[in-house]
Amino acid sequence: MSDQPWRFRGALAELDREGRAFLCRRDSARDPSVRERTRQIISQVRQGGDGALRALALELDGVRLDSLEVPRRLWGTALRELQPELRSALERAAANIARAHRAFVPRQAEVETEAGVRVGRRPDPLRRVGIYAPGGRASYPSSLLMAAVPARVAGVAEVIVCSPPRAIRHAVWGGARGRRDRPG
């Protein structure tokens, strides 16, 4: 028996049928109550819009929101309040993430498959993306950087970040480093 903590090792094709099925399963919630609650929340937001979001913030996060967006005046404050060592580490991480993703940006390609028949691929960036920056039990600015920075590298014009109120300082900072357009 291996002393490795992994259940599976090797290429996917080498696994038995059950192993492949286990690894490829995409259902994240085995508890039906989680799926049902998620369905209810999505329905509530679709029907109630911003009002539903405010109600859910009060219910789930215990906060009464004056706005769904962080005022721009707080962006600089959040940046200035970061410890210099943390800010430096996050700036370095953002630069490394950008460098890595620039190396893998899809390029336009075209090929003539036979006389007069051309097939091509054109990777057009999305105009706007939304990113969720987790912050329930802990804030992970790295999660935000790993979403916002690649979006910018890909050429996304507008990046909007949503984050629980307790995580907002890291979301504001990470968004500034990821050049996001709107925190929330």
Protein backbone atom coordinates (compact mmCIF):
# COMPACT_ATOMS: atom_id res chain seq x y z
CA MET A 1 0.00 0.00 0.00
CA SER A 2 1.30 3.43 -0.92
CA ASP A 3 2.02 6.03 1.71
CA GLN A 4 0.65 8.68 -0.68
CA PRO A 5 -2.56 10.40 0.49
CA TRP A 6 -4.14 10.19 -2.97
CA ARG A 7 -6.86 7.73 -3.78
CA PHE A 8 -6.01 7.74 -7.48
CA ARG A 9 -2.72 7.98 -9.28
CA GLY A 10 -1.88 7.95 -12.97
CA ALA A 11 -3.71 8.78 -16.17
CA LEU A 12 -7.48 8.93 -16.23
CA ALA A 13 -7.56 6.30 -18.98
CA GLU A 14 -5.75 3.86 -16.69
CA LEU A 15 -8.44 4.00 -14.00
CA ASP A 16 -11.25 1.49 -13.77
CA ARG A 17 -14.77 2.53 -14.72
CA GLU A 18 -15.80 3.34 -11.12
CA GLY A 19 -12.69 5.43 -10.53
CA ARG A 20 -13.26 7.48 -13.69
CA ALA A 21 -16.93 7.98 -12.81
CA PHE A 22 -15.99 9.15 -9.32
CA LEU A 23 -13.43 11.67 -10.58
CA CYS A 24 -15.64 12.99 -13.36
CA ARG A 25 -18.78 13.41 -11.26
CA ARG A 26 -19.86 17.05 -11.22
CA ASP A 27 -22.58 17.00 -8.58
CA SER A 28 -21.17 19.05 -5.71
CA ALA A 29 -24.00 18.72 -3.24
CA ARG A 30 -24.97 15.24 -2.16
CA ASP A 31 -27.32 16.57 0.49
CA PRO A 32 -30.67 17.26 -1.20
CA SER A 33 -31.39 20.07 1.27
CA VAL A 34 -28.35 21.99 -0.04
CA ARG A 35 -29.57 21.67 -3.62
CA GLU A 36 -33.07 22.76 -2.60
CA ARG A 37 -31.82 25.77 -0.63
CA THR A 38 -29.60 26.78 -3.55
CA ARG A 39 -32.56 26.50 -5.92
CA GLN A 40 -34.65 28.68 -3.58
CA ILE A 41 -31.97 31.35 -3.34
CA ILE A 42 -31.51 31.53 -7.11
CA SER A 43 -35.27 31.76 -7.61
CA GLN A 44 -35.56 34.43 -4.91
CA VAL A 45 -32.86 36.57 -6.56
CA ARG A 46 -34.32 36.12 -10.05
CA GLN A 47 -37.72 37.24 -8.83
CA GLY A 48 -36.68 39.91 -6.33
CA GLY A 49 -33.49 41.33 -7.83
CA ASP A 50 -31.50 43.72 -5.65
CA GLY A 51 -34.14 43.66 -2.91
CA ALA A 52 -33.72 39.91 -2.61
CA LEU A 53 -29.94 40.31 -2.43
CA ARG A 54 -30.31 42.79 0.44
CA ALA A 55 -32.71 40.47 2.25
CA LEU A 56 -30.33 37.52 1.82
CA ALA A 57 -27.39 39.59 3.09
CA LEU A 58 -29.38 40.31 6.24
CA GLU A 59 -30.53 36.69 6.60
CA LEU A 60 -27.26 34.92 5.75
CA ASP A 61 -24.56 37.45 6.65
CA GLY A 62 -26.34 39.40 9.37
CA VAL A 63 -25.71 42.76 7.69
CA ARG A 64 -27.97 45.48 6.41
CA LEU A 65 -26.54 46.78 3.15
CA ASP A 66 -26.92 50.41 2.16
CA SER A 67 -25.55 49.61 -1.26
CA LEU A 68 -24.68 46.51 -3.23
CA GLU A 69 -21.48 48.18 -4.40
CA VAL A 70 -18.54 49.34 -2.31
CA PRO A 71 -18.21 53.12 -2.66
CA ARG A 72 -15.15 54.05 -4.72
CA ARG A 73 -13.88 56.25 -1.86
CA LEU A 74 -13.29 53.06 0.17
CA TRP A 75 -11.10 51.42 -2.48
CA GLY A 76 -8.02 53.52 -1.63
CA THR A 77 -8.69 53.19 2.10
CA ALA A 78 -8.70 49.42 1.88
CA LEU A 79 -5.43 49.48 -0.04
CA ARG A 80 -3.75 51.83 2.46
CA GLU A 81 -4.86 49.70 5.42
CA LEU A 82 -3.12 46.56 4.14
CA GLN A 83 0.09 45.62 5.90
CA PRO A 84 3.03 46.38 3.58
CA GLU A 85 4.26 42.76 3.63
CA LEU A 86 0.84 41.42 2.67
CA ARG A 87 0.39 44.01 -0.04
CA SER A 88 3.81 43.20 -1.47
CA ALA A 89 3.07 39.47 -1.47
CA LEU A 90 -0.28 39.99 -3.20
CA GLU A 91 1.24 42.32 -5.79
CA ARG A 92 3.88 39.69 -6.52
CA ALA A 93 1.18 37.01 -6.81
CA ALA A 94 -0.85 39.21 -9.19
CA ALA A 95 2.21 39.80 -11.38
CA ASN A 96 3.01 36.07 -11.48
CA ILE A 97 -0.59 35.15 -12.29
CA ALA A 98 -0.64 37.69 -15.13
CA ARG A 99 2.70 36.47 -16.49
CA ALA A 100 1.53 32.84 -16.51
CA HIS A 101 -1.82 33.61 -18.14
CA ARG A 102 -0.29 35.85 -20.81
CA ALA A 103 1.72 32.80 -21.90
CA PHE A 104 -1.48 30.82 -22.51
CA VAL A 105 -3.76 33.39 -24.15
CA PRO A 106 -5.51 31.63 -27.06
CA ARG A 107 -4.49 33.01 -30.44
CA GLN A 108 -6.50 33.38 -33.59
CA ALA A 109 -5.83 30.50 -35.95
CA GLU A 110 -6.99 29.57 -39.40
CA VAL A 111 -6.32 26.58 -41.61
CA GLU A 112 -7.32 25.65 -45.14
CA THR A 113 -8.63 22.10 -44.79
CA GLU A 114 -8.95 21.68 -48.55
CA ALA A 115 -8.96 23.96 -51.55
CA GLY A 116 -11.26 26.90 -50.84
CA VAL A 117 -12.36 25.68 -47.38
CA ARG A 118 -11.01 27.68 -44.46
CA VAL A 119 -11.70 26.85 -40.82
CA GLY A 120 -10.71 29.19 -38.06
CA ARG A 121 -10.86 30.00 -34.39
CA ARG A 122 -11.17 33.51 -33.03
CA PRO A 123 -10.97 33.86 -29.25
CA ASP A 124 -13.03 36.96 -28.48
CA PRO A 125 -13.08 38.07 -24.83
CA LEU A 126 -16.35 38.51 -23.00
CA ARG A 127 -17.45 42.10 -22.47
CA ARG A 128 -18.28 41.61 -18.79
CA VAL A 129 -17.72 38.91 -16.16
CA GLY A 130 -18.84 38.50 -12.59
CA ILE A 131 -16.53 36.99 -10.00
CA TYR A 132 -17.41 35.72 -6.54
CA ALA A 133 -14.72 36.31 -3.91
CA PRO A 134 -15.41 33.92 -1.04
CA GLY A 135 -15.25 35.18 2.50
CA GLY A 136 -17.61 33.18 4.68
CA ARG A 137 -15.29 31.63 7.27
CA ALA A 138 -12.12 33.22 5.88
CA SER A 139 -11.07 35.70 3.21
CA TYR A 140 -8.88 34.47 0.41
CA PRO A 141 -7.66 37.36 -1.72
CA SER A 142 -5.82 34.77 -3.81
CA SER A 143 -9.18 33.43 -5.05
CA LEU A 144 -10.06 36.87 -6.29
CA LEU A 145 -6.67 37.37 -7.94
CA MET A 146 -6.92 33.96 -9.65
CA ALA A 147 -10.21 35.06 -11.23
CA ALA A 148 -9.75 38.81 -11.87
CA VAL A 149 -6.22 38.80 -13.24
CA PRO A 150 -6.81 36.10 -15.91
CA ALA A 151 -10.02 37.87 -16.95
CA ARG A 152 -8.08 41.06 -17.56
CA VAL A 153 -5.29 39.22 -19.37
CA ALA A 154 -7.96 37.67 -21.63
CA GLY A 155 -9.21 41.15 -22.49
CA VAL A 156 -12.46 41.23 -20.53
CA ALA A 157 -13.65 44.84 -20.56
CA GLU A 158 -15.52 44.92 -17.24
CA VAL A 159 -14.89 42.77 -14.18
CA ILE A 160 -17.43 42.92 -11.35
CA VAL A 161 -16.69 41.22 -8.04
CA CYS A 162 -19.21 40.10 -5.44
CA SER A 163 -18.09 39.30 -1.92
CA PRO A 164 -19.62 38.84 1.52
CA PRO A 165 -19.39 42.01 3.63
CA ARG A 166 -16.79 40.56 6.01
CA ALA A 167 -14.42 39.90 3.11
CA ILE A 168 -14.85 43.28 1.49
CA ARG A 169 -11.43 44.79 2.28
CA HIS A 170 -9.62 41.93 0.59
CA ALA A 171 -12.10 42.02 -2.27
CA VAL A 172 -11.54 45.73 -2.77
CA TRP A 173 -7.77 45.32 -2.67
CA GLY A 174 -7.65 42.24 -4.83
CA GLY A 175 -9.91 43.91 -7.34
CA ALA A 176 -7.64 46.92 -7.48
CA ARG A 177 -4.69 44.65 -8.17
CA GLY A 178 -6.73 42.66 -10.66
CA ARG A 179 -7.98 45.95 -12.14
CA ARG A 180 -11.58 45.09 -11.64
CA ASP A 181 -14.18 47.71 -12.32
CA ARG A 182 -16.78 47.28 -9.64
CA PRO A 183 -16.59 45.67 -6.21
CA GLY A 184 -19.71 44.59 -4.41
